[in-house]
Amino acid sequence: AAREERLARRRKRTVIIAIIAIVLVLGIAGYFFTRGEEP
């Protein structure tokens, strides 16, 4: 039972890290897009 609980926590951390990474990628893309129009 203890082993199954550790595996579940590990999977949850993996999902959160993936969501944060997607948000960062979208923000960086939007920043470079607007900077490209200003010139």
PDB file of all heavy atoms in Angstrom:
ATOM      1  N   ALA A   1       0.829  -1.223   0.000  1.00  0.00           N
ATOM      2  CA  ALA A   1       0.000   0.000   0.000  1.00  0.00           C
ATOM      3  C   ALA A   1       0.850   1.255   0.000  1.00  0.00           C
ATOM      4  O   ALA A   1       0.559   2.240  -0.671  1.00  0.00           O
ATOM      5  CB  ALA A   1      -0.939  -0.010   1.211  1.00  0.00           C
ATOM      6  N   ALA A   2       1.941   1.211   0.766  1.00  0.00           N
ATOM      7  CA  ALA A   2       2.834   2.378   0.811  1.00  0.00           C
ATOM      8  C   ALA A   2       3.458   2.626  -0.543  1.00  0.00           C
ATOM      9  O   ALA A   2       3.614   3.780  -0.976  1.00  0.00           O
ATOM     10  CB  ALA A   2       3.915   2.153   1.883  1.00  0.00           C
ATOM     11  N   ARG A   3       3.825   1.545  -1.211  1.00  0.00           N
ATOM     12  CA  ARG A   3       4.426   1.717  -2.526  1.00  0.00           C
ATOM     13  C   ARG A   3       3.442   2.317  -3.524  1.00  0.00           C
ATOM     14  O   ARG A   3       3.787   3.177  -4.337  1.00  0.00           O
ATOM     15  CB  ARG A   3       4.924   0.358  -3.026  1.00  0.00           C
ATOM     16  CG  ARG A   3       5.701   0.453  -4.348  1.00  0.00           C
ATOM     17  CD  ARG A   3       6.301  -0.868  -4.697  1.00  0.00           C
ATOM     18  NE  ARG A   3       5.258  -1.892  -4.807  1.00  0.00           N
ATOM     19  CZ  ARG A   3       5.494  -3.195  -5.029  1.00  0.00           C
ATOM     20  NH1 ARG A   3       6.734  -3.638  -5.124  1.00  0.00           N
ATOM     21  NH2 ARG A   3       4.515  -4.062  -5.124  1.00  0.00           N
ATOM     22  N   GLU A   4       2.196   1.906  -3.476  1.00  0.00           N
ATOM     23  CA  GLU A   4       1.194   2.461  -4.391  1.00  0.00           C
ATOM     24  C   GLU A   4       0.965   3.948  -4.124  1.00  0.00           C
ATOM     25  O   GLU A   4       0.790   4.761  -5.037  1.00  0.00           O
ATOM     26  CB  GLU A   4      -0.131   1.698  -4.218  1.00  0.00           C
ATOM     27  CG  GLU A   4      -0.082   0.266  -4.727  1.00  0.00           C
ATOM     28  CD  GLU A   4       0.104   0.207  -6.239  1.00  0.00           C
ATOM     29  OE1 GLU A   4      -0.313   1.203  -6.934  1.00  0.00           O
ATOM     30  OE2 GLU A   4       0.638  -0.777  -6.719  1.00  0.00           O
ATOM     31  N   GLU A   5       1.004   4.380  -2.902  1.00  0.00           N
ATOM     32  CA  GLU A   5       0.818   5.786  -2.562  1.00  0.00           C
ATOM     33  C   GLU A   5       1.953   6.628  -3.099  1.00  0.00           C
ATOM     34  O   GLU A   5       1.756   7.724  -3.610  1.00  0.00           O
ATOM     35  CB  GLU A   5       0.713   5.925  -1.041  1.00  0.00           C
ATOM     36  CG  GLU A   5       0.415   7.368  -0.603  1.00  0.00           C
ATOM     37  CD  GLU A   5       0.258   7.458   0.896  1.00  0.00           C
ATOM     38  OE1 GLU A   5       0.280   6.411   1.572  1.00  0.00           O
ATOM     39  OE2 GLU A   5       0.084   8.611   1.377  1.00  0.00           O
ATOM     40  N   ARG A   6       3.195   6.095  -3.005  1.00  0.00           N
ATOM     41  CA  ARG A   6       4.326   6.853  -3.531  1.00  0.00           C
ATOM     42  C   ARG A   6       4.225   6.995  -5.043  1.00  0.00           C
ATOM     43  O   ARG A   6       4.527   8.051  -5.615  1.00  0.00           O
ATOM     44  CB  ARG A   6       5.639   6.139  -3.160  1.00  0.00           C
ATOM     45  CG  ARG A   6       5.994   6.286  -1.668  1.00  0.00           C
ATOM     46  CD  ARG A   6       7.455   5.893  -1.455  1.00  0.00           C
ATOM     47  NE  ARG A   6       7.703   4.510  -1.813  1.00  0.00           N
ATOM     48  CZ  ARG A   6       7.551   3.462  -0.976  1.00  0.00           C
ATOM     49  NH1 ARG A   6       7.172   3.655   0.268  1.00  0.00           N
ATOM     50  NH2 ARG A   6       7.797   2.231  -1.395  1.00  0.00           N
ATOM     51  N   LEU A   7       3.785   5.988  -5.708  1.00  0.00           N
ATOM     52  CA  LEU A   7       3.645   6.051  -7.170  1.00  0.00           C
ATOM     53  C   LEU A   7       2.583   7.086  -7.569  1.00  0.00           C
ATOM     54  O   LEU A   7       2.744   7.828  -8.555  1.00  0.00           O
ATOM     55  CB  LEU A   7       3.277   4.659  -7.716  1.00  0.00           C
ATOM     56  CG  LEU A   7       4.380   3.593  -7.639  1.00  0.00           C
ATOM     57  CD1 LEU A   7       3.851   2.240  -8.088  1.00  0.00           C
ATOM     58  CD2 LEU A   7       5.597   4.007  -8.481  1.00  0.00           C
ATOM     59  N   ALA A   8       1.471   7.165  -6.813  1.00  0.00           N
ATOM     60  CA  ALA A   8       0.410   8.128  -7.142  1.00  0.00           C
ATOM     61  C   ALA A   8       0.899   9.575  -6.992  1.00  0.00           C
ATOM     62  O   ALA A   8       0.619  10.436  -7.822  1.00  0.00           O
ATOM     63  CB  ALA A   8      -0.812   7.885  -6.243  1.00  0.00           C
ATOM     64  N   ARG A   9       1.688   9.857  -5.902  1.00  0.00           N
ATOM     65  CA  ARG A   9       2.219  11.199  -5.715  1.00  0.00           C
ATOM     66  C   ARG A   9       3.178  11.578  -6.824  1.00  0.00           C
ATOM     67  O   ARG A   9       3.220  12.718  -7.291  1.00  0.00           O
ATOM     68  CB  ARG A   9       2.910  11.302  -4.352  1.00  0.00           C
ATOM     69  CG  ARG A   9       1.912  11.351  -3.179  1.00  0.00           C
ATOM     70  CD  ARG A   9       2.596  11.888  -1.934  1.00  0.00           C
ATOM     71  NE  ARG A   9       3.687  11.020  -1.518  1.00  0.00           N
ATOM     72  CZ  ARG A   9       3.552  10.018  -0.645  1.00  0.00           C
ATOM     73  NH1 ARG A   9       2.392   9.774  -0.082  1.00  0.00           N
ATOM     74  NH2 ARG A   9       4.595   9.297  -0.314  1.00  0.00           N
ATOM     75  N   ARG A  10       3.945  10.605  -7.281  1.00  0.00           N
ATOM     76  CA  ARG A  10       4.900  10.866  -8.347  1.00  0.00           C
ATOM     77  C   ARG A  10       4.187  11.216  -9.649  1.00  0.00           C
ATOM     78  O   ARG A  10       4.588  12.135 -10.372  1.00  0.00           O
ATOM     79  CB  ARG A  10       5.803   9.632  -8.523  1.00  0.00           C
ATOM     80  CG  ARG A  10       6.965   9.847  -9.502  1.00  0.00           C
ATOM     81  CD  ARG A  10       7.808   8.614  -9.574  1.00  0.00           C
ATOM     82  NE  ARG A  10       8.302   8.270  -8.249  1.00  0.00           N
ATOM     83  CZ  ARG A  10       8.657   7.026  -7.875  1.00  0.00           C
ATOM     84  NH1 ARG A  10       8.526   6.033  -8.709  1.00  0.00           N
ATOM     85  NH2 ARG A  10       9.111   6.809  -6.665  1.00  0.00           N
ATOM     86  N   ARG A  11       3.100  10.484  -9.965  1.00  0.00           N
ATOM     87  CA  ARG A  11       2.354  10.791 -11.182  1.00  0.00           C
ATOM     88  C   ARG A  11       1.717  12.192 -11.111  1.00  0.00           C
ATOM     89  O   ARG A  11       1.688  12.928 -12.082  1.00  0.00           O
ATOM     90  CB  ARG A  11       1.251   9.732 -11.407  1.00  0.00           C
ATOM     91  CG  ARG A  11       1.810   8.389 -11.901  1.00  0.00           C
ATOM     92  CD  ARG A  11       0.678   7.520 -12.432  1.00  0.00           C
ATOM     93  NE  ARG A  11      -0.266   7.194 -11.362  1.00  0.00           N
ATOM     94  CZ  ARG A  11      -0.170   6.111 -10.590  1.00  0.00           C
ATOM     95  NH1 ARG A  11       0.830   5.245 -10.756  1.00  0.00           N
ATOM     96  NH2 ARG A  11      -1.066   5.876  -9.648  1.00  0.00           N
ATOM     97  N   LYS A  12       1.201  12.618  -9.951  1.00  0.00           N
ATOM     98  CA  LYS A  12       0.579  13.943  -9.782  1.00  0.00           C
ATOM     99  C   LYS A  12       1.588  15.045 -10.014  1.00  0.00           C
ATOM    100  O   LYS A  12       1.313  16.048 -10.674  1.00  0.00           O
ATOM    101  CB  LYS A  12      -0.019  14.034  -8.389  1.00  0.00           C
ATOM    102  CG  LYS A  12      -0.813  15.319  -8.140  1.00  0.00           C
ATOM    103  CD  LYS A  12      -1.460  15.273  -6.781  1.00  0.00           C
ATOM    104  CE  LYS A  12      -2.274  16.535  -6.537  1.00  0.00           C
ATOM    105  NZ  LYS A  12      -2.931  16.521  -5.207  1.00  0.00           N
ATOM    106  N   ARG A  13       2.820  14.897  -9.465  1.00  0.00           N
ATOM    107  CA  ARG A  13       3.861  15.900  -9.681  1.00  0.00           C
ATOM    108  C   ARG A  13       4.221  16.011 -11.140  1.00  0.00           C
ATOM    109  O   ARG A  13       4.463  17.076 -11.680  1.00  0.00           O
ATOM    110  CB  ARG A  13       5.103  15.546  -8.841  1.00  0.00           C
ATOM    111  CG  ARG A  13       4.961  15.870  -7.356  1.00  0.00           C
ATOM    112  CD  ARG A  13       6.347  15.894  -6.687  1.00  0.00           C
ATOM    113  NE  ARG A  13       7.051  14.639  -6.854  1.00  0.00           N
ATOM    114  CZ  ARG A  13       6.968  13.599  -6.004  1.00  0.00           C
ATOM    115  NH1 ARG A  13       6.210  13.694  -4.929  1.00  0.00           N
ATOM    116  NH2 ARG A  13       7.649  12.495  -6.239  1.00  0.00           N
ATOM    117  N   THR A  14       4.228  14.886 -11.816  1.00  0.00           N
ATOM    118  CA  THR A  14       4.572  14.884 -13.241  1.00  0.00           C
ATOM    119  C   THR A  14       3.546  15.682 -14.052  1.00  0.00           C
ATOM    120  O   THR A  14       3.885  16.466 -14.944  1.00  0.00           O
ATOM    121  CB  THR A  14       4.645  13.442 -13.760  1.00  0.00           C
ATOM    122  OG1 THR A  14       5.612  12.713 -12.983  1.00  0.00           O
ATOM    123  CG2 THR A  14       5.037  13.415 -15.227  1.00  0.00           C
ATOM    124  N   VAL A  15       2.228  15.525 -13.716  1.00  0.00           N
ATOM    125  CA  VAL A  15       1.177  16.272 -14.452  1.00  0.00           C
ATOM    126  C   VAL A  15       1.302  17.773 -14.212  1.00  0.00           C
ATOM    127  O   VAL A  15       1.200  18.588 -15.130  1.00  0.00           O
ATOM    128  CB  VAL A  15      -0.212  15.753 -14.023  1.00  0.00           C
ATOM    129  CG1 VAL A  15      -1.298  16.643 -14.615  1.00  0.00           C
ATOM    130  CG2 VAL A  15      -0.415  14.312 -14.480  1.00  0.00           C
ATOM    131  N   ILE A  16       1.567  18.182 -12.965  1.00  0.00           N
ATOM    132  CA  ILE A  16       1.689  19.603 -12.643  1.00  0.00           C
ATOM    133  C   ILE A  16       2.865  20.215 -13.365  1.00  0.00           C
ATOM    134  O   ILE A  16       2.791  21.323 -13.935  1.00  0.00           O
ATOM    135  CB  ILE A  16       1.825  19.782 -11.119  1.00  0.00           C
ATOM    136  CG1 ILE A  16       0.500  19.371 -10.429  1.00  0.00           C
ATOM    137  CG2 ILE A  16       2.170  21.231 -10.766  1.00  0.00           C
ATOM    138  CD1 ILE A  16       0.578  19.366  -8.924  1.00  0.00           C
ATOM    139  N   ILE A  17       3.987  19.513 -13.384  1.00  0.00           N
ATOM    140  CA  ILE A  17       5.177  20.040 -14.066  1.00  0.00           C
ATOM    141  C   ILE A  17       4.910  20.190 -15.556  1.00  0.00           C
ATOM    142  O   ILE A  17       5.318  21.179 -16.200  1.00  0.00           O
ATOM    143  CB  ILE A  17       6.383  19.104 -13.804  1.00  0.00           C
ATOM    144  CG1 ILE A  17       6.772  19.182 -12.315  1.00  0.00           C
ATOM    145  CG2 ILE A  17       7.573  19.478 -14.682  1.00  0.00           C
ATOM    146  CD1 ILE A  17       7.813  18.144 -11.905  1.00  0.00           C
ATOM    147  N   ALA A  18       4.158  19.247 -16.122  1.00  0.00           N
ATOM    148  CA  ALA A  18       3.850  19.327 -17.558  1.00  0.00           C
ATOM    149  C   ALA A  18       2.982  20.551 -17.870  1.00  0.00           C
ATOM    150  O   ALA A  18       3.196  21.275 -18.853  1.00  0.00           O
ATOM    151  CB  ALA A  18       3.152  18.041 -18.002  1.00  0.00           C
ATOM    152  N   ILE A  19       1.975  20.853 -16.987  1.00  0.00           N
ATOM    153  CA  ILE A  19       1.095  22.012 -17.213  1.00  0.00           C
ATOM    154  C   ILE A  19       1.887  23.302 -17.123  1.00  0.00           C
ATOM    155  O   ILE A  19       1.757  24.211 -17.952  1.00  0.00           O
ATOM    156  CB  ILE A  19      -0.052  21.998 -16.203  1.00  0.00           C
ATOM    157  CG1 ILE A  19      -0.997  20.813 -16.471  1.00  0.00           C
ATOM    158  CG2 ILE A  19      -0.851  23.313 -16.261  1.00  0.00           C
ATOM    159  CD1 ILE A  19      -2.078  20.613 -15.446  1.00  0.00           C
ATOM    160  N   ILE A  20       2.771  23.397 -16.126  1.00  0.00           N
ATOM    161  CA  ILE A  20       3.579  24.599 -15.974  1.00  0.00           C
ATOM    162  C   ILE A  20       4.474  24.808 -17.180  1.00  0.00           C
ATOM    163  O   ILE A  20       4.656  25.918 -17.688  1.00  0.00           O
ATOM    164  CB  ILE A  20       4.403  24.523 -14.674  1.00  0.00           C
ATOM    165  CG1 ILE A  20       3.454  24.568 -13.455  1.00  0.00           C
ATOM    166  CG2 ILE A  20       5.411  25.665 -14.583  1.00  0.00           C
ATOM    167  CD1 ILE A  20       4.151  24.339 -12.134  1.00  0.00           C
ATOM    168  N   ALA A  21       5.005  23.764 -17.676  1.00  0.00           N
ATOM    169  CA  ALA A  21       5.886  23.863 -18.847  1.00  0.00           C
ATOM    170  C   ALA A  21       5.128  24.360 -20.070  1.00  0.00           C
ATOM    171  O   ALA A  21       5.621  25.201 -20.846  1.00  0.00           O
ATOM    172  CB  ALA A  21       6.526  22.491 -19.121  1.00  0.00           C
ATOM    173  N   ILE A  22       3.870  23.886 -20.245  1.00  0.00           N
ATOM    174  CA  ILE A  22       3.077  24.317 -21.401  1.00  0.00           C
ATOM    175  C   ILE A  22       2.781  25.809 -21.308  1.00  0.00           C
ATOM    176  O   ILE A  22       2.877  26.561 -22.277  1.00  0.00           O
ATOM    177  CB  ILE A  22       1.784  23.501 -21.480  1.00  0.00           C
ATOM    178  CG1 ILE A  22       2.100  22.036 -21.828  1.00  0.00           C
ATOM    179  CG2 ILE A  22       0.835  24.093 -22.517  1.00  0.00           C
ATOM    180  CD1 ILE A  22       0.913  21.109 -21.750  1.00  0.00           C
ATOM    181  N   VAL A  23       2.381  26.286 -20.082  1.00  0.00           N
ATOM    182  CA  VAL A  23       2.087  27.701 -19.891  1.00  0.00           C
ATOM    183  C   VAL A  23       3.301  28.557 -20.191  1.00  0.00           C
ATOM    184  O   VAL A  23       3.228  29.598 -20.850  1.00  0.00           O
ATOM    185  CB  VAL A  23       1.564  27.949 -18.464  1.00  0.00           C
ATOM    186  CG1 VAL A  23       1.455  29.436 -18.174  1.00  0.00           C
ATOM    187  CG2 VAL A  23       0.212  27.267 -18.260  1.00  0.00           C
ATOM    188  N   LEU A  24       4.475  28.145 -19.721  1.00  0.00           N
ATOM    189  CA  LEU A  24       5.696  28.905 -19.981  1.00  0.00           C
ATOM    190  C   LEU A  24       6.005  28.978 -21.458  1.00  0.00           C
ATOM    191  O   LEU A  24       6.410  30.023 -21.991  1.00  0.00           O
ATOM    192  CB  LEU A  24       6.865  28.277 -19.216  1.00  0.00           C
ATOM    193  CG  LEU A  24       6.834  28.441 -17.685  1.00  0.00           C
ATOM    194  CD1 LEU A  24       7.983  27.673 -17.039  1.00  0.00           C
ATOM    195  CD2 LEU A  24       6.914  29.910 -17.322  1.00  0.00           C
ATOM    196  N   VAL A  25       5.790  27.888 -22.156  1.00  0.00           N
ATOM    197  CA  VAL A  25       6.072  27.861 -23.599  1.00  0.00           C
ATOM    198  C   VAL A  25       5.143  28.832 -24.337  1.00  0.00           C
ATOM    199  O   VAL A  25       5.567  29.594 -25.205  1.00  0.00           O
ATOM    200  CB  VAL A  25       5.934  26.436 -24.141  1.00  0.00           C
ATOM    201  CG1 VAL A  25       5.976  26.422 -25.661  1.00  0.00           C
ATOM    202  CG2 VAL A  25       7.048  25.551 -23.597  1.00  0.00           C
ATOM    203  N   LEU A  26       3.833  28.819 -23.964  1.00  0.00           N
ATOM    204  CA  LEU A  26       2.892  29.726 -24.624  1.00  0.00           C
ATOM    205  C   LEU A  26       3.225  31.186 -24.325  1.00  0.00           C
ATOM    206  O   LEU A  26       3.146  32.058 -25.209  1.00  0.00           O
ATOM    207  CB  LEU A  26       1.458  29.424 -24.169  1.00  0.00           C
ATOM    208  CG  LEU A  26       0.890  28.071 -24.613  1.00  0.00           C
ATOM    209  CD1 LEU A  26      -0.493  27.850 -24.024  1.00  0.00           C
ATOM    210  CD2 LEU A  26       0.829  27.996 -26.148  1.00  0.00           C
ATOM    211  N   GLY A  27       3.604  31.498 -23.092  1.00  0.00           N
ATOM    212  CA  GLY A  27       3.962  32.874 -22.755  1.00  0.00           C
ATOM    213  C   GLY A  27       5.180  33.358 -23.507  1.00  0.00           C
ATOM    214  O   GLY A  27       5.224  34.493 -24.001  1.00  0.00           O
ATOM    215  N   ILE A  28       6.175  32.500 -23.621  1.00  0.00           N
ATOM    216  CA  ILE A  28       7.389  32.895 -24.340  1.00  0.00           C
ATOM    217  C   ILE A  28       7.087  33.115 -25.808  1.00  0.00           C
ATOM    218  O   ILE A  28       7.561  34.068 -26.447  1.00  0.00           O
ATOM    219  CB  ILE A  28       8.475  31.829 -24.139  1.00  0.00           C
ATOM    220  CG1 ILE A  28       8.921  31.815 -22.664  1.00  0.00           C
ATOM    221  CG2 ILE A  28       9.671  32.096 -25.047  1.00  0.00           C
ATOM    222  CD1 ILE A  28       9.836  30.660 -22.315  1.00  0.00           C
ATOM    223  N   ALA A  29       6.217  32.261 -26.371  1.00  0.00           N
ATOM    224  CA  ALA A  29       5.863  32.411 -27.787  1.00  0.00           C
ATOM    225  C   ALA A  29       5.117  33.717 -28.029  1.00  0.00           C
ATOM    226  O   ALA A  29       5.386  34.441 -29.003  1.00  0.00           O
ATOM    227  CB  ALA A  29       5.010  31.211 -28.224  1.00  0.00           C
ATOM    228  N   GLY A  30       4.160  34.058 -27.142  1.00  0.00           N
ATOM    229  CA  GLY A  30       3.441  35.320 -27.304  1.00  0.00           C
ATOM    230  C   GLY A  30       4.347  36.522 -27.168  1.00  0.00           C
ATOM    231  O   GLY A  30       4.195  37.526 -27.878  1.00  0.00           O
ATOM    232  N   TYR A  31       5.300  36.465 -26.259  1.00  0.00           N
ATOM    233  CA  TYR A  31       6.227  37.592 -26.063  1.00  0.00           C
ATOM    234  C   TYR A  31       7.027  37.857 -27.321  1.00  0.00           C
ATOM    235  O   TYR A  31       7.121  38.992 -27.805  1.00  0.00           O
ATOM    236  CB  TYR A  31       7.135  37.285 -24.889  1.00  0.00           C
ATOM    237  CG  TYR A  31       8.250  38.279 -24.715  1.00  0.00           C
ATOM    238  CD1 TYR A  31       7.991  39.537 -24.158  1.00  0.00           C
ATOM    239  CD2 TYR A  31       9.541  37.983 -25.129  1.00  0.00           C
ATOM    240  CE1 TYR A  31       9.011  40.450 -24.018  1.00  0.00           C
ATOM    241  CE2 TYR A  31      10.565  38.905 -24.992  1.00  0.00           C
ATOM    242  CZ  TYR A  31      10.303  40.129 -24.427  1.00  0.00           C
ATOM    243  OH  TYR A  31      11.315  41.041 -24.286  1.00  0.00           O
ATOM    244  N   PHE A  32       7.592  36.780 -27.892  1.00  0.00           N
ATOM    245  CA  PHE A  32       8.404  36.976 -29.106  1.00  0.00           C
ATOM    246  C   PHE A  32       7.549  37.389 -30.300  1.00  0.00           C
ATOM    247  O   PHE A  32       8.003  38.104 -31.190  1.00  0.00           O
ATOM    248  CB  PHE A  32       9.193  35.695 -29.431  1.00  0.00           C
ATOM    249  CG  PHE A  32      10.395  35.516 -28.550  1.00  0.00           C
ATOM    250  CD1 PHE A  32      10.400  34.581 -27.532  1.00  0.00           C
ATOM    251  CD2 PHE A  32      11.513  36.310 -28.729  1.00  0.00           C
ATOM    252  CE1 PHE A  32      11.503  34.434 -26.724  1.00  0.00           C
ATOM    253  CE2 PHE A  32      12.621  36.161 -27.909  1.00  0.00           C
ATOM    254  CZ  PHE A  32      12.631  35.223 -26.907  1.00  0.00           C
ATOM    255  N   PHE A  33       6.240  36.997 -30.288  1.00  0.00           N
ATOM    256  CA  PHE A  33       5.353  37.381 -31.384  1.00  0.00           C
ATOM    257  C   PHE A  33       5.091  38.891 -31.371  1.00  0.00           C
ATOM    258  O   PHE A  33       5.154  39.566 -32.392  1.00  0.00           O
ATOM    259  CB  PHE A  33       4.036  36.607 -31.260  1.00  0.00           C
ATOM    260  CG  PHE A  33       3.032  36.962 -32.331  1.00  0.00           C
ATOM    261  CD1 PHE A  33       3.171  36.490 -33.625  1.00  0.00           C
ATOM    262  CD2 PHE A  33       1.962  37.786 -32.027  1.00  0.00           C
ATOM    263  CE1 PHE A  33       2.249  36.832 -34.595  1.00  0.00           C
ATOM    264  CE2 PHE A  33       1.056  38.132 -32.997  1.00  0.00           C
ATOM    265  CZ  PHE A  33       1.189  37.643 -34.283  1.00  0.00           C
ATOM    266  N   THR A  34       4.754  39.420 -30.164  1.00  0.00           N
ATOM    267  CA  THR A  34       4.515  40.861 -30.067  1.00  0.00           C
ATOM    268  C   THR A  34       5.773  41.661 -30.290  1.00  0.00           C
ATOM    269  O   THR A  34       5.756  42.755 -30.863  1.00  0.00           O
ATOM    270  CB  THR A  34       3.922  41.200 -28.691  1.00  0.00           C
ATOM    271  OG1 THR A  34       4.803  40.711 -27.668  1.00  0.00           O
ATOM    272  CG2 THR A  34       2.548  40.566 -28.510  1.00  0.00           C
ATOM    273  N   ARG A  35       6.865  41.216 -29.828  1.00  0.00           N
ATOM    274  CA  ARG A  35       8.123  41.924 -30.048  1.00  0.00           C
ATOM    275  C   ARG A  35       8.474  41.969 -31.518  1.00  0.00           C
ATOM    276  O   ARG A  35       9.091  42.902 -32.002  1.00  0.00           O
ATOM    277  CB  ARG A  35       9.259  41.237 -29.281  1.00  0.00           C
ATOM    278  CG  ARG A  35       9.180  41.411 -27.775  1.00  0.00           C
ATOM    279  CD  ARG A  35       9.428  42.830 -27.381  1.00  0.00           C
ATOM    280  NE  ARG A  35      10.768  43.254 -27.724  1.00  0.00           N
ATOM    281  CZ  ARG A  35      11.220  44.486 -27.619  1.00  0.00           C
ATOM    282  NH1 ARG A  35      10.398  45.429 -27.197  1.00  0.00           N
ATOM    283  NH2 ARG A  35      12.479  44.795 -27.941  1.00  0.00           N
ATOM    284  N   GLY A  36       8.000  40.969 -32.238  1.00  0.00           N
ATOM    285  CA  GLY A  36       8.285  40.956 -33.672  1.00  0.00           C
ATOM    286  C   GLY A  36       7.500  42.001 -34.417  1.00  0.00           C
ATOM    287  O   GLY A  36       7.932  42.514 -35.446  1.00  0.00           O
ATOM    288  N   GLU A  37       6.257  42.433 -33.894  1.00  0.00           N
ATOM    289  CA  GLU A  37       5.451  43.431 -34.573  1.00  0.00           C
ATOM    290  C   GLU A  37       5.914  44.846 -34.267  1.00  0.00           C
ATOM    291  O   GLU A  37       5.719  45.752 -35.060  1.00  0.00           O
ATOM    292  CB  GLU A  37       3.980  43.290 -34.151  1.00  0.00           C
ATOM    293  CG  GLU A  37       3.322  42.038 -34.731  1.00  0.00           C
ATOM    294  CD  GLU A  37       1.859  41.991 -34.358  1.00  0.00           C
ATOM    295  OE1 GLU A  37       1.460  42.788 -33.479  1.00  0.00           O
ATOM    296  OE2 GLU A  37       1.126  41.198 -34.938  1.00  0.00           O
ATOM    297  N   GLU A  38       6.479  45.069 -33.071  1.00  0.00           N
ATOM    298  CA  GLU A  38       6.864  46.414 -32.672  1.00  0.00           C
ATOM    299  C   GLU A  38       7.896  47.036 -33.600  1.00  0.00           C
ATOM    300  O   GLU A  38       7.789  48.196 -33.976  1.00  0.00           O
ATOM    301  CB  GLU A  38       7.378  46.411 -31.236  1.00  0.00           C
ATOM    302  CG  GLU A  38       6.248  46.224 -30.235  1.00  0.00           C
ATOM    303  CD  GLU A  38       6.765  46.281 -28.816  1.00  0.00           C
ATOM    304  OE1 GLU A  38       8.001  46.465 -28.657  1.00  0.00           O
ATOM    305  OE2 GLU A  38       5.967  46.146 -27.887  1.00  0.00           O
ATOM    306  N   PRO A  39       8.883  46.329 -34.002  1.00  0.00           N
ATOM    307  CA  PRO A  39       9.829  46.946 -34.950  1.00  0.00           C
ATOM    308  C   PRO A  39       9.155  47.384 -36.223  1.00  0.00           C
ATOM    309  O   PRO A  39       9.472  48.422 -36.781  1.00  0.00           O
ATOM    310  CB  PRO A  39      10.859  45.843 -35.174  1.00  0.00           C
ATOM    311  CG  PRO A  39      10.787  44.999 -33.944  1.00  0.00           C
ATOM    312  CD  PRO A  39       9.371  45.009 -33.535  1.00  0.00           C
TER     313      PRO A  39
END
